[in-house]
Amino acid sequence: MRVGMKQLILGWRAAVENRQAQRALSREVRRLLYGHRPIKLVIGAAAGQHFDGWLMTNLPVFNALKVEHWGTMFPSGCIDRILAEHVIEHWHEGEFVEFLRIVRPFLSRAGTIRLAVPDGLHPDPHYIEYVRPGGSGAGSDDHKVLYTYKKMGSISSRAGYACTFLEHFDETGQFHAIPWDIQDGFIKRSSRYDPRNETAPLSYTSLMVDLKPQ
């Protein structure tokens, strides 16, 4: 079989599989709504990752930057929780702003977006080198933005969201944290759950925030 024909067939199969997965996701959303159960959505879920009661999504089946994907999968006002752990830093700032605009109509009245990104004010220079755009860490070659709590707060506020910071460092290197419920979104790369912190406390944390439309 010629290489070109083989690529066409593989591409066709992938497209069919994606459509099937999208239809399955839509059916699951309808099932949850019919049972009056909350819609909780993970964006950028790792392969094989599973949280009870959460819909796990990732590219190419679900693209959080495409409004048509949201409109196809979800009725307006139906989503109670959105979780994105170390996803937003792979988007340009303008894409993050567009995401906040796109998703707002699909959030319920009590809907919350929980985000975790690398913390640009972490006091360890090795951490910063690991996570900065173009840094040495896994995936950092695709990082677009290194957020601080002020930058995150400014962007989110301008987009019409109120911010509750769950964990972050400030300009003096002081770590701030408030209690947060894993039922609203589990963040592994956090002070509580990242295994790297067992031997070196706070060696790997995230800037963590809950966003709610104002």
N, C-alpha and C. Protein backbone atom coordinates (compact mmCIF):
# COMPACT_ATOMS: atom_id res chain seq x y z
N MET A 1 0.84 -1.19 0.00
CA MET A 1 0.00 0.00 0.00
C MET A 1 0.88 1.25 0.00
N ARG A 2 0.58 2.18 -0.85
CA ARG A 2 1.36 3.40 -0.91
C ARG A 2 1.23 4.16 0.41
N VAL A 3 2.32 4.91 0.74
CA VAL A 3 2.35 5.64 2.00
C VAL A 3 1.20 6.63 2.07
N GLY A 4 0.94 7.36 0.97
CA GLY A 4 -0.13 8.34 0.97
C GLY A 4 -1.49 7.74 1.25
N MET A 5 -1.78 6.60 0.64
CA MET A 5 -3.06 5.92 0.87
C MET A 5 -3.16 5.41 2.30
N LYS A 6 -2.06 4.89 2.84
CA LYS A 6 -2.07 4.40 4.21
C LYS A 6 -2.36 5.54 5.18
N GLN A 7 -1.77 6.69 4.96
CA GLN A 7 -2.02 7.84 5.82
C GLN A 7 -3.47 8.29 5.74
N LEU A 8 -4.06 8.24 4.54
CA LEU A 8 -5.46 8.62 4.39
C LEU A 8 -6.37 7.68 5.18
N ILE A 9 -6.08 6.37 5.10
CA ILE A 9 -6.89 5.39 5.82
C ILE A 9 -6.75 5.58 7.33
N LEU A 10 -5.52 5.79 7.80
CA LEU A 10 -5.30 6.00 9.23
C LEU A 10 -6.01 7.26 9.71
N GLY A 11 -5.95 8.32 8.88
CA GLY A 11 -6.62 9.56 9.23
C GLY A 11 -8.13 9.38 9.29
N TRP A 12 -8.68 8.63 8.34
CA TRP A 12 -10.11 8.35 8.32
C TRP A 12 -10.53 7.56 9.55
N ARG A 13 -9.74 6.55 9.90
CA ARG A 13 -10.06 5.74 11.09
C ARG A 13 -10.02 6.60 12.35
N ALA A 14 -9.02 7.46 12.44
CA ALA A 14 -8.91 8.33 13.62
C ALA A 14 -10.11 9.26 13.72
N ALA A 15 -10.55 9.81 12.59
CA ALA A 15 -11.71 10.71 12.58
C ALA A 15 -12.97 9.97 13.02
N VAL A 16 -13.13 8.74 12.55
CA VAL A 16 -14.29 7.94 12.93
C VAL A 16 -14.26 7.66 14.43
N GLU A 17 -13.10 7.29 14.95
CA GLU A 17 -12.96 7.00 16.38
C GLU A 17 -13.25 8.25 17.22
N ASN A 18 -12.79 9.40 16.75
CA ASN A 18 -13.04 10.64 17.47
C ASN A 18 -14.54 10.95 17.53
N ARG A 19 -15.22 10.78 16.41
CA ARG A 19 -16.66 11.04 16.39
C ARG A 19 -17.40 10.07 17.31
N GLN A 20 -16.97 8.83 17.33
CA GLN A 20 -17.61 7.85 18.21
C GLN A 20 -17.40 8.24 19.68
N ALA A 21 -16.19 8.68 20.00
CA ALA A 21 -15.90 9.10 21.37
C ALA A 21 -16.69 10.34 21.75
N GLN A 22 -16.85 11.26 20.81
CA GLN A 22 -17.65 12.47 21.06
C GLN A 22 -19.11 12.11 21.31
N ARG A 23 -19.64 11.19 20.52
CA ARG A 23 -21.03 10.77 20.74
C ARG A 23 -21.19 10.08 22.09
N ALA A 24 -20.19 9.30 22.47
CA ALA A 24 -20.25 8.62 23.77
C ALA A 24 -20.23 9.65 24.91
N LEU A 25 -19.42 10.68 24.76
CA LEU A 25 -19.38 11.73 25.77
C LEU A 25 -20.72 12.44 25.86
N SER A 26 -21.32 12.74 24.71
CA SER A 26 -22.63 13.40 24.70
C SER A 26 -23.69 12.53 25.37
N ARG A 27 -23.64 11.23 25.12
CA ARG A 27 -24.61 10.32 25.76
C ARG A 27 -24.44 10.31 27.27
N GLU A 28 -23.19 10.33 27.72
CA GLU A 28 -22.94 10.32 29.16
C GLU A 28 -23.42 11.62 29.81
N VAL A 29 -23.24 12.73 29.13
CA VAL A 29 -23.75 14.00 29.64
C VAL A 29 -25.27 13.95 29.78
N ARG A 30 -25.94 13.44 28.76
CA ARG A 30 -27.41 13.34 28.81
C ARG A 30 -27.86 12.40 29.93
N ARG A 31 -27.11 11.32 30.13
CA ARG A 31 -27.47 10.38 31.20
C ARG A 31 -27.36 11.05 32.57
N LEU A 32 -26.29 11.80 32.77
CA LEU A 32 -26.11 12.49 34.05
C LEU A 32 -27.19 13.54 34.27
N LEU A 33 -27.51 14.27 33.23
CA LEU A 33 -28.55 15.29 33.36
C LEU A 33 -29.90 14.66 33.64
N TYR A 34 -30.20 13.56 32.97
CA TYR A 34 -31.47 12.86 33.19
C TYR A 34 -31.58 12.38 34.63
N GLY A 35 -30.46 11.97 35.21
CA GLY A 35 -30.45 11.51 36.60
C GLY A 35 -30.23 12.61 37.60
N HIS A 36 -30.23 13.86 37.14
CA HIS A 36 -30.04 15.03 38.01
C HIS A 36 -28.73 14.92 38.81
N ARG A 37 -27.71 14.44 38.14
CA ARG A 37 -26.39 14.34 38.75
C ARG A 37 -25.50 15.47 38.26
N PRO A 38 -24.55 15.90 39.08
CA PRO A 38 -23.70 17.03 38.68
C PRO A 38 -22.81 16.68 37.50
N ILE A 39 -22.56 17.68 36.66
CA ILE A 39 -21.63 17.53 35.55
C ILE A 39 -20.29 18.09 35.99
N LYS A 40 -19.32 17.19 36.10
CA LYS A 40 -17.96 17.59 36.51
C LYS A 40 -17.00 17.12 35.42
N LEU A 41 -16.18 18.05 34.93
CA LEU A 41 -15.41 17.83 33.71
C LEU A 41 -13.93 18.07 33.94
N VAL A 42 -13.11 17.12 33.54
CA VAL A 42 -11.65 17.28 33.55
C VAL A 42 -11.20 17.59 32.13
N ILE A 43 -10.44 18.66 31.99
CA ILE A 43 -9.85 19.04 30.70
C ILE A 43 -8.39 18.63 30.70
N GLY A 44 -7.97 17.99 29.63
CA GLY A 44 -6.57 17.58 29.54
C GLY A 44 -6.23 16.38 30.42
N ALA A 45 -7.17 15.45 30.54
CA ALA A 45 -6.93 14.26 31.36
C ALA A 45 -5.82 13.40 30.75
N ALA A 46 -4.96 12.88 31.59
CA ALA A 46 -3.90 11.98 31.13
C ALA A 46 -4.50 10.65 30.73
N ALA A 47 -3.81 9.95 29.84
CA ALA A 47 -4.28 8.64 29.40
C ALA A 47 -4.42 7.70 30.59
N GLY A 48 -5.57 7.07 30.70
CA GLY A 48 -5.82 6.14 31.79
C GLY A 48 -6.25 6.79 33.09
N GLN A 49 -6.26 8.11 33.15
CA GLN A 49 -6.66 8.81 34.37
C GLN A 49 -8.17 8.69 34.58
N HIS A 50 -8.57 8.50 35.82
CA HIS A 50 -10.00 8.36 36.11
C HIS A 50 -10.29 8.90 37.49
N PHE A 51 -11.28 9.79 37.59
CA PHE A 51 -11.80 10.28 38.86
C PHE A 51 -13.28 9.91 38.91
N ASP A 52 -13.71 9.27 39.98
CA ASP A 52 -15.11 8.89 40.10
C ASP A 52 -16.01 10.12 40.01
N GLY A 53 -17.02 10.01 39.15
CA GLY A 53 -17.99 11.08 39.02
C GLY A 53 -17.58 12.20 38.09
N TRP A 54 -16.41 12.08 37.46
CA TRP A 54 -15.91 13.12 36.57
C TRP A 54 -15.85 12.60 35.13
N LEU A 55 -16.14 13.49 34.19
CA LEU A 55 -15.96 13.19 32.77
C LEU A 55 -14.54 13.55 32.38
N MET A 56 -13.80 12.60 31.87
CA MET A 56 -12.39 12.81 31.52
C MET A 56 -12.29 13.11 30.04
N THR A 57 -11.70 14.24 29.68
CA THR A 57 -11.60 14.64 28.28
C THR A 57 -10.17 15.06 27.94
N ASN A 58 -9.86 14.95 26.67
CA ASN A 58 -8.56 15.40 26.17
C ASN A 58 -8.65 15.53 24.66
N LEU A 59 -7.65 16.15 24.09
CA LEU A 59 -7.55 16.24 22.64
C LEU A 59 -7.35 14.84 22.05
N PRO A 60 -7.81 14.59 20.84
CA PRO A 60 -8.56 15.48 19.96
C PRO A 60 -10.07 15.37 20.11
N VAL A 61 -10.52 14.48 21.01
CA VAL A 61 -11.96 14.25 21.15
C VAL A 61 -12.66 15.51 21.63
N PHE A 62 -12.05 16.19 22.60
CA PHE A 62 -12.65 17.41 23.12
C PHE A 62 -11.58 18.50 23.17
N ASN A 63 -11.81 19.56 22.43
CA ASN A 63 -10.90 20.71 22.39
C ASN A 63 -11.57 21.86 23.14
N ALA A 64 -11.03 22.20 24.31
CA ALA A 64 -11.65 23.21 25.16
C ALA A 64 -11.59 24.61 24.56
N LEU A 65 -10.85 24.79 23.48
CA LEU A 65 -10.75 26.09 22.83
C LEU A 65 -11.67 26.21 21.63
N LYS A 66 -12.48 25.18 21.39
CA LYS A 66 -13.43 25.22 20.27
C LYS A 66 -14.85 25.32 20.81
N VAL A 67 -15.49 26.42 20.55
CA VAL A 67 -16.84 26.63 21.07
C VAL A 67 -17.80 25.59 20.54
N GLU A 68 -17.56 25.09 19.31
CA GLU A 68 -18.47 24.09 18.75
C GLU A 68 -18.41 22.77 19.52
N HIS A 69 -17.26 22.46 20.12
CA HIS A 69 -17.18 21.25 20.93
C HIS A 69 -18.04 21.39 22.18
N TRP A 70 -17.97 22.55 22.82
CA TRP A 70 -18.80 22.79 24.00
C TRP A 70 -20.27 22.73 23.64
N GLY A 71 -20.64 23.41 22.57
CA GLY A 71 -22.04 23.47 22.18
C GLY A 71 -22.61 22.13 21.78
N THR A 72 -21.77 21.27 21.22
CA THR A 72 -22.21 19.94 20.81
C THR A 72 -22.41 19.02 22.00
N MET A 73 -21.54 19.16 22.99
CA MET A 73 -21.53 18.23 24.12
C MET A 73 -22.45 18.65 25.26
N PHE A 74 -22.56 19.95 25.50
CA PHE A 74 -23.18 20.42 26.74
C PHE A 74 -24.29 21.44 26.49
N PRO A 75 -25.43 21.29 27.17
CA PRO A 75 -26.43 22.36 27.17
C PRO A 75 -25.90 23.53 28.00
N SER A 76 -26.44 24.70 27.77
CA SER A 76 -26.00 25.86 28.54
C SER A 76 -26.38 25.69 30.01
N GLY A 77 -25.50 26.21 30.87
CA GLY A 77 -25.76 26.23 32.30
C GLY A 77 -25.75 24.90 33.01
N CYS A 78 -25.09 23.89 32.44
CA CYS A 78 -25.21 22.54 33.02
C CYS A 78 -23.96 22.08 33.78
N ILE A 79 -22.83 22.76 33.63
CA ILE A 79 -21.58 22.24 34.18
C ILE A 79 -21.33 22.82 35.57
N ASP A 80 -21.12 21.94 36.53
CA ASP A 80 -20.92 22.36 37.91
C ASP A 80 -19.45 22.55 38.27
N ARG A 81 -18.59 21.73 37.72
CA ARG A 81 -17.17 21.82 38.04
C ARG A 81 -16.34 21.56 36.77
N ILE A 82 -15.29 22.35 36.61
CA ILE A 82 -14.29 22.12 35.56
C ILE A 82 -12.93 22.08 36.24
N LEU A 83 -12.12 21.11 35.88
CA LEU A 83 -10.79 20.96 36.45
C LEU A 83 -9.76 20.89 35.33
N ALA A 84 -8.72 21.71 35.44
CA ALA A 84 -7.62 21.66 34.47
C ALA A 84 -6.31 21.79 35.25
N GLU A 85 -5.61 20.68 35.39
CA GLU A 85 -4.33 20.66 36.10
C GLU A 85 -3.19 20.69 35.10
N HIS A 86 -2.42 21.77 35.14
CA HIS A 86 -1.26 21.96 34.27
C HIS A 86 -1.64 21.79 32.80
N VAL A 87 -2.63 22.56 32.41
CA VAL A 87 -3.11 22.62 31.04
C VAL A 87 -2.98 24.03 30.49
N ILE A 88 -3.42 25.01 31.28
CA ILE A 88 -3.53 26.39 30.81
C ILE A 88 -2.19 26.96 30.37
N GLU A 89 -1.11 26.53 31.00
CA GLU A 89 0.21 27.07 30.64
C GLU A 89 0.65 26.64 29.24
N HIS A 90 -0.05 25.67 28.66
CA HIS A 90 0.23 25.25 27.28
C HIS A 90 -0.51 26.10 26.26
N TRP A 91 -1.31 27.05 26.73
CA TRP A 91 -2.04 27.97 25.86
C TRP A 91 -1.40 29.35 25.92
N HIS A 92 -1.51 30.09 24.84
CA HIS A 92 -1.15 31.50 24.88
C HIS A 92 -2.16 32.24 25.76
N GLU A 93 -1.74 33.39 26.26
CA GLU A 93 -2.61 34.14 27.16
C GLU A 93 -3.96 34.45 26.51
N GLY A 94 -3.93 34.82 25.24
CA GLY A 94 -5.18 35.11 24.53
C GLY A 94 -6.08 33.91 24.44
N GLU A 95 -5.51 32.71 24.34
CA GLU A 95 -6.32 31.49 24.29
C GLU A 95 -6.97 31.22 25.64
N PHE A 96 -6.26 31.51 26.71
CA PHE A 96 -6.85 31.37 28.04
C PHE A 96 -8.04 32.32 28.21
N VAL A 97 -7.86 33.55 27.78
CA VAL A 97 -8.96 34.53 27.85
C VAL A 97 -10.15 34.04 27.03
N GLU A 98 -9.88 33.50 25.85
CA GLU A 98 -10.95 32.99 24.99
C GLU A 98 -11.65 31.80 25.65
N PHE A 99 -10.89 30.93 26.30
CA PHE A 99 -11.48 29.80 27.04
C PHE A 99 -12.44 30.29 28.10
N LEU A 100 -12.04 31.31 28.86
CA LEU A 100 -12.90 31.85 29.91
C LEU A 100 -14.19 32.43 29.31
N ARG A 101 -14.09 33.01 28.14
CA ARG A 101 -15.27 33.56 27.47
C ARG A 101 -16.18 32.43 26.97
N ILE A 102 -15.57 31.42 26.36
CA ILE A 102 -16.34 30.31 25.78
C ILE A 102 -17.10 29.54 26.84
N VAL A 103 -16.44 29.23 27.94
CA VAL A 103 -17.00 28.29 28.89
C VAL A 103 -18.07 28.92 29.77
N ARG A 104 -18.06 30.21 29.92
CA ARG A 104 -18.96 30.87 30.87
C ARG A 104 -20.44 30.50 30.68
N PRO A 105 -20.98 30.50 29.46
CA PRO A 105 -22.40 30.17 29.31
C PRO A 105 -22.75 28.74 29.70
N PHE A 106 -21.76 27.87 29.78
CA PHE A 106 -22.04 26.47 30.07
C PHE A 106 -21.95 26.14 31.56
N LEU A 107 -21.48 27.10 32.36
CA LEU A 107 -21.38 26.89 33.80
C LEU A 107 -22.74 27.07 34.45
N SER A 108 -23.03 26.25 35.45
CA SER A 108 -24.23 26.43 36.25
C SER A 108 -24.05 27.65 37.15
N ARG A 109 -25.11 28.00 37.87
CA ARG A 109 -25.03 29.18 38.74
C ARG A 109 -23.95 29.04 39.80
N ALA A 110 -23.73 27.82 40.25
CA ALA A 110 -22.69 27.57 41.25
C ALA A 110 -21.42 27.00 40.62
N GLY A 111 -21.33 27.10 39.30
CA GLY A 111 -20.21 26.49 38.58
C GLY A 111 -18.87 27.10 38.95
N THR A 112 -17.85 26.23 39.02
CA THR A 112 -16.50 26.64 39.40
C THR A 112 -15.49 26.02 38.46
N ILE A 113 -14.48 26.81 38.11
CA ILE A 113 -13.34 26.30 37.35
C ILE A 113 -12.15 26.23 38.29
N ARG A 114 -11.59 25.05 38.47
CA ARG A 114 -10.38 24.90 39.29
C ARG A 114 -9.19 24.71 38.36
N LEU A 115 -8.21 25.59 38.51
CA LEU A 115 -7.01 25.55 37.68
C LEU A 115 -5.77 25.35 38.55
N ALA A 116 -4.82 24.63 38.01
CA ALA A 116 -3.49 24.53 38.62
C ALA A 116 -2.47 24.69 37.51
N VAL A 117 -1.50 25.57 37.73
CA VAL A 117 -0.43 25.84 36.76
C VAL A 117 0.89 25.96 37.53
N PRO A 118 2.02 25.85 36.84
CA PRO A 118 3.28 26.11 37.52
C PRO A 118 3.29 27.51 38.12
N ASP A 119 3.89 27.63 39.29
CA ASP A 119 3.87 28.89 40.04
C ASP A 119 5.13 29.71 39.73
N GLY A 120 4.92 30.84 39.06
CA GLY A 120 6.04 31.68 38.65
C GLY A 120 6.75 32.38 39.78
N LEU A 121 6.22 32.31 41.01
CA LEU A 121 6.87 32.92 42.16
C LEU A 121 7.45 31.89 43.11
N HIS A 122 7.51 30.65 42.68
CA HIS A 122 8.16 29.64 43.52
C HIS A 122 9.60 30.08 43.77
N PRO A 123 10.06 30.05 45.03
CA PRO A 123 11.38 30.61 45.34
C PRO A 123 12.57 29.77 44.91
N ASP A 124 12.35 28.52 44.51
CA ASP A 124 13.46 27.65 44.11
C ASP A 124 13.79 27.89 42.64
N PRO A 125 15.00 28.39 42.33
CA PRO A 125 15.36 28.64 40.93
C PRO A 125 15.37 27.37 40.08
N HIS A 126 15.61 26.22 40.70
CA HIS A 126 15.59 24.96 39.95
C HIS A 126 14.16 24.63 39.50
N TYR A 127 13.21 24.94 40.36
CA TYR A 127 11.80 24.75 39.99
C TYR A 127 11.46 25.65 38.80
N ILE A 128 11.84 26.92 38.88
CA ILE A 128 11.53 27.86 37.81
C ILE A 128 12.17 27.41 36.50
N GLU A 129 13.41 26.95 36.55
CA GLU A 129 14.08 26.47 35.34
C GLU A 129 13.36 25.25 34.78
N TYR A 130 12.80 24.45 35.66
CA TYR A 130 12.12 23.22 35.24
C TYR A 130 10.79 23.52 34.53
N VAL A 131 10.08 24.57 34.98
CA VAL A 131 8.71 24.80 34.49
C VAL A 131 8.57 25.98 33.53
N ARG A 132 9.56 26.83 33.43
CA ARG A 132 9.42 28.02 32.59
C ARG A 132 9.25 27.60 31.13
N PRO A 133 8.62 28.47 30.30
CA PRO A 133 8.54 28.17 28.87
C PRO A 133 9.93 27.94 28.28
N GLY A 134 10.11 26.80 27.65
CA GLY A 134 11.42 26.44 27.12
C GLY A 134 12.38 25.93 28.16
N GLY A 135 11.87 25.57 29.34
CA GLY A 135 12.73 25.10 30.43
C GLY A 135 13.17 23.66 30.26
N SER A 136 13.71 23.11 31.33
CA SER A 136 14.30 21.77 31.26
C SER A 136 13.33 20.66 31.61
N GLY A 137 12.17 20.99 32.14
CA GLY A 137 11.24 19.97 32.59
C GLY A 137 10.44 19.34 31.47
N ALA A 138 9.88 18.17 31.76
CA ALA A 138 9.05 17.46 30.79
C ALA A 138 7.86 18.33 30.40
N GLY A 139 7.69 18.56 29.11
CA GLY A 139 6.57 19.34 28.61
C GLY A 139 6.78 20.84 28.62
N SER A 140 7.85 21.32 29.26
CA SER A 140 8.04 22.77 29.35
C SER A 140 8.42 23.40 28.01
N ASP A 141 8.86 22.58 27.07
CA ASP A 141 9.14 23.12 25.74
C ASP A 141 7.87 23.62 25.06
N ASP A 142 6.70 23.18 25.56
CA ASP A 142 5.42 23.62 25.01
C ASP A 142 4.72 24.63 25.92
N HIS A 143 5.35 25.00 27.04
CA HIS A 143 4.74 26.00 27.92
C HIS A 143 4.80 27.37 27.25
N LYS A 144 3.69 28.12 27.38
CA LYS A 144 3.60 29.44 26.75
C LYS A 144 3.67 30.58 27.75
N VAL A 145 3.18 30.35 28.97
CA VAL A 145 3.07 31.41 29.97
C VAL A 145 3.47 30.84 31.33
N LEU A 146 4.23 31.64 32.11
CA LEU A 146 4.53 31.28 33.49
C LEU A 146 3.73 32.26 34.37
N TYR A 147 2.69 31.74 35.00
CA TYR A 147 1.75 32.59 35.74
C TYR A 147 2.22 32.85 37.16
N THR A 148 1.88 34.03 37.65
CA THR A 148 1.93 34.36 39.07
C THR A 148 0.51 34.60 39.53
N TYR A 149 0.32 34.69 40.83
CA TYR A 149 -1.04 34.90 41.33
C TYR A 149 -1.58 36.25 40.87
N LYS A 150 -0.71 37.25 40.75
CA LYS A 150 -1.18 38.56 40.29
C LYS A 150 -1.60 38.51 38.82
N LYS A 151 -0.81 37.83 38.01
CA LYS A 151 -1.14 37.74 36.59
C LYS A 151 -2.43 36.95 36.40
N MET A 152 -2.55 35.84 37.09
CA MET A 152 -3.77 35.04 37.00
C MET A 152 -4.97 35.83 37.47
N GLY A 153 -4.82 36.55 38.58
CA GLY A 153 -5.92 37.32 39.11
C GLY A 153 -6.34 38.43 38.18
N SER A 154 -5.37 39.10 37.56
CA SER A 154 -5.68 40.20 36.65
C SER A 154 -6.44 39.71 35.42
N ILE A 155 -5.96 38.64 34.81
CA ILE A 155 -6.61 38.10 33.61
C ILE A 155 -8.02 37.64 33.94
N SER A 156 -8.17 36.90 35.02
CA SER A 156 -9.47 36.34 35.37
C SER A 156 -10.46 37.44 35.74
N SER A 157 -10.00 38.43 36.46
CA SER A 157 -10.87 39.53 36.85
C SER A 157 -11.38 40.30 35.63
N ARG A 158 -10.48 40.56 34.69
CA ARG A 158 -10.90 41.28 33.48
C ARG A 158 -11.90 40.46 32.67
N ALA A 159 -11.82 39.13 32.80
CA ALA A 159 -12.76 38.25 32.09
C ALA A 159 -14.07 38.06 32.85
N GLY A 160 -14.18 38.68 34.04
CA GLY A 160 -15.42 38.62 34.79
C GLY A 160 -15.53 37.48 35.77
N TYR A 161 -14.39 37.01 36.28
CA TYR A 161 -14.37 35.92 37.24
C TYR A 161 -13.77 36.38 38.57
N ALA A 162 -14.33 35.87 39.65
CA ALA A 162 -13.76 36.07 40.97
C ALA A 162 -12.78 34.94 41.27
N CYS A 163 -11.65 35.28 41.86
CA CYS A 163 -10.58 34.30 42.12
C CYS A 163 -10.50 33.96 43.60
N THR A 164 -10.39 32.70 43.91
CA THR A 164 -10.05 32.23 45.24
C THR A 164 -8.78 31.41 45.11
N PHE A 165 -7.67 31.94 45.60
CA PHE A 165 -6.40 31.24 45.48
C PHE A 165 -6.29 30.19 46.58
N LEU A 166 -6.03 28.97 46.16
CA LEU A 166 -5.95 27.85 47.08
C LEU A 166 -4.52 27.62 47.57
N GLU A 167 -3.56 27.73 46.66
CA GLU A 167 -2.14 27.60 47.01
C GLU A 167 -1.35 28.50 46.07
N HIS A 168 -0.38 29.24 46.63
CA HIS A 168 0.52 30.03 45.80
C HIS A 168 1.63 30.63 46.65
N PHE A 169 2.70 31.00 45.99
CA PHE A 169 3.77 31.77 46.61
C PHE A 169 3.57 33.25 46.29
N ASP A 170 4.06 34.12 47.19
CA ASP A 170 4.04 35.55 46.91
C ASP A 170 5.44 36.03 46.56
N GLU A 171 5.59 37.34 46.40
CA GLU A 171 6.87 37.92 45.94
C GLU A 171 8.00 37.76 46.95
N THR A 172 7.66 37.53 48.21
CA THR A 172 8.68 37.37 49.25
C THR A 172 9.10 35.92 49.44
N GLY A 173 8.49 35.00 48.68
CA GLY A 173 8.77 33.58 48.85
C GLY A 173 7.92 32.92 49.91
N GLN A 174 6.91 33.64 50.42
CA GLN A 174 6.01 33.08 51.42
C GLN A 174 4.95 32.24 50.74
N PHE A 175 4.71 31.04 51.27
CA PHE A 175 3.71 30.15 50.71
C PHE A 175 2.38 30.38 51.41
N HIS A 176 1.31 30.48 50.61
CA HIS A 176 -0.03 30.68 51.13
C HIS A 176 -0.92 29.51 50.69
N ALA A 177 -1.73 29.03 51.62
CA ALA A 177 -2.64 27.93 51.30
C ALA A 177 -3.87 28.02 52.19
N ILE A 178 -5.01 27.65 51.61
CA ILE A 178 -6.24 27.53 52.38
C ILE A 178 -6.79 26.12 52.16
N PRO A 179 -7.65 25.64 53.07
CA PRO A 179 -8.22 24.29 52.88
C PRO A 179 -9.02 24.21 51.58
N TRP A 180 -8.87 23.10 50.88
CA TRP A 180 -9.65 22.87 49.66
C TRP A 180 -10.09 21.41 49.61
N ASP A 181 -11.24 21.21 48.99
CA ASP A 181 -11.90 19.92 48.97
C ASP A 181 -11.58 19.19 47.67
N ILE A 182 -11.06 17.98 47.76
CA ILE A 182 -10.72 17.23 46.55
C ILE A 182 -11.97 16.83 45.77
N GLN A 183 -13.14 16.88 46.42
CA GLN A 183 -14.38 16.58 45.70
C GLN A 183 -14.68 17.64 44.65
N ASP A 184 -14.12 18.83 44.82
CA ASP A 184 -14.28 19.90 43.84
C ASP A 184 -13.18 19.90 42.79
N GLY A 185 -12.28 18.92 42.86
CA GLY A 185 -11.21 18.80 41.89
C GLY A 185 -9.90 18.44 42.55
N PHE A 186 -9.41 17.25 42.25
CA PHE A 186 -8.16 16.77 42.85
C PHE A 186 -6.96 17.27 42.05
N ILE A 187 -6.02 17.89 42.75
CA ILE A 187 -4.79 18.38 42.14
C ILE A 187 -3.62 17.59 42.72
N LYS A 188 -2.99 16.77 41.92
CA LYS A 188 -1.86 15.98 42.41
C LYS A 188 -0.64 16.85 42.66
N ARG A 189 -0.38 17.77 41.71
CA ARG A 189 0.81 18.62 41.84
C ARG A 189 0.52 19.78 42.79
N SER A 190 0.34 19.41 44.06
CA SER A 190 -0.01 20.36 45.11
C SER A 190 0.84 20.07 46.33
N SER A 191 0.81 20.98 47.30
CA SER A 191 1.61 20.78 48.51
C SER A 191 1.18 19.53 49.27
N ARG A 192 -0.09 19.18 49.16
CA ARG A 192 -0.62 18.04 49.92
C ARG A 192 -0.38 16.70 49.26
N TYR A 193 -0.36 16.66 47.93
CA TYR A 193 -0.43 15.37 47.25
C TYR A 193 0.74 15.06 46.33
N ASP A 194 1.61 16.00 46.06
CA ASP A 194 2.75 15.68 45.20
C ASP A 194 3.78 14.89 46.02
N PRO A 195 4.16 13.68 45.57
CA PRO A 195 5.07 12.85 46.36
C PRO A 195 6.45 13.47 46.55
N ARG A 196 6.83 14.40 45.69
CA ARG A 196 8.13 15.05 45.85
C ARG A 196 8.22 15.86 47.14
N ASN A 197 7.08 16.24 47.66
CA ASN A 197 7.06 17.05 48.88
C ASN A 197 7.21 16.22 50.15
N GLU A 198 7.18 14.90 50.02
CA GLU A 198 7.34 14.05 51.19
C GLU A 198 8.75 14.14 51.76
N THR A 199 9.74 14.26 50.89
CA THR A 199 11.13 14.35 51.34
C THR A 199 11.64 15.78 51.37
N ALA A 200 11.05 16.64 50.54
CA ALA A 200 11.45 18.04 50.49
C ALA A 200 10.18 18.90 50.44
N PRO A 201 9.64 19.27 51.60
CA PRO A 201 8.36 19.99 51.62
C PRO A 201 8.36 21.24 50.73
N LEU A 202 7.28 21.39 49.99
CA LEU A 202 7.05 22.53 49.09
C LEU A 202 8.05 22.58 47.94
N SER A 203 8.71 21.47 47.66
CA SER A 203 9.66 21.48 46.54
C SER A 203 8.93 21.52 45.20
N TYR A 204 7.71 20.96 45.16
CA TYR A 204 6.91 21.08 43.94
C TYR A 204 5.46 21.40 44.32
N THR A 205 5.06 22.58 43.99
CA THR A 205 3.70 23.04 44.24
C THR A 205 3.16 23.67 42.96
N SER A 206 1.91 24.06 43.00
CA SER A 206 1.29 24.73 41.86
C SER A 206 0.61 26.00 42.34
N LEU A 207 0.45 26.92 41.42
CA LEU A 207 -0.47 28.03 41.62
C LEU A 207 -1.86 27.47 41.38
N MET A 208 -2.67 27.42 42.42
CA MET A 208 -3.99 26.81 42.35
C MET A 208 -5.06 27.84 42.63
N VAL A 209 -6.12 27.85 41.82
CA VAL A 209 -7.14 28.87 41.96
C VAL A 209 -8.50 28.31 41.55
N ASP A 210 -9.53 28.76 42.25
CA ASP A 210 -10.92 28.51 41.85
C ASP A 210 -11.47 29.80 41.24
N LEU A 211 -12.09 29.68 40.08
CA LEU A 211 -12.69 30.81 39.40
C LEU A 211 -14.21 30.65 39.34
N LYS A 212 -14.90 31.72 39.69
CA LYS A 212 -16.37 31.72 39.59
C LYS A 212 -16.82 32.98 38.87
N PRO A 213 -17.76 32.83 37.93
CA PRO A 213 -18.26 34.02 37.23
C PRO A 213 -18.88 35.02 38.21
N GLN A 214 -18.59 36.27 38.01
CA GLN A 214 -19.15 37.31 38.88
C GLN A 214 -20.51 37.78 38.35
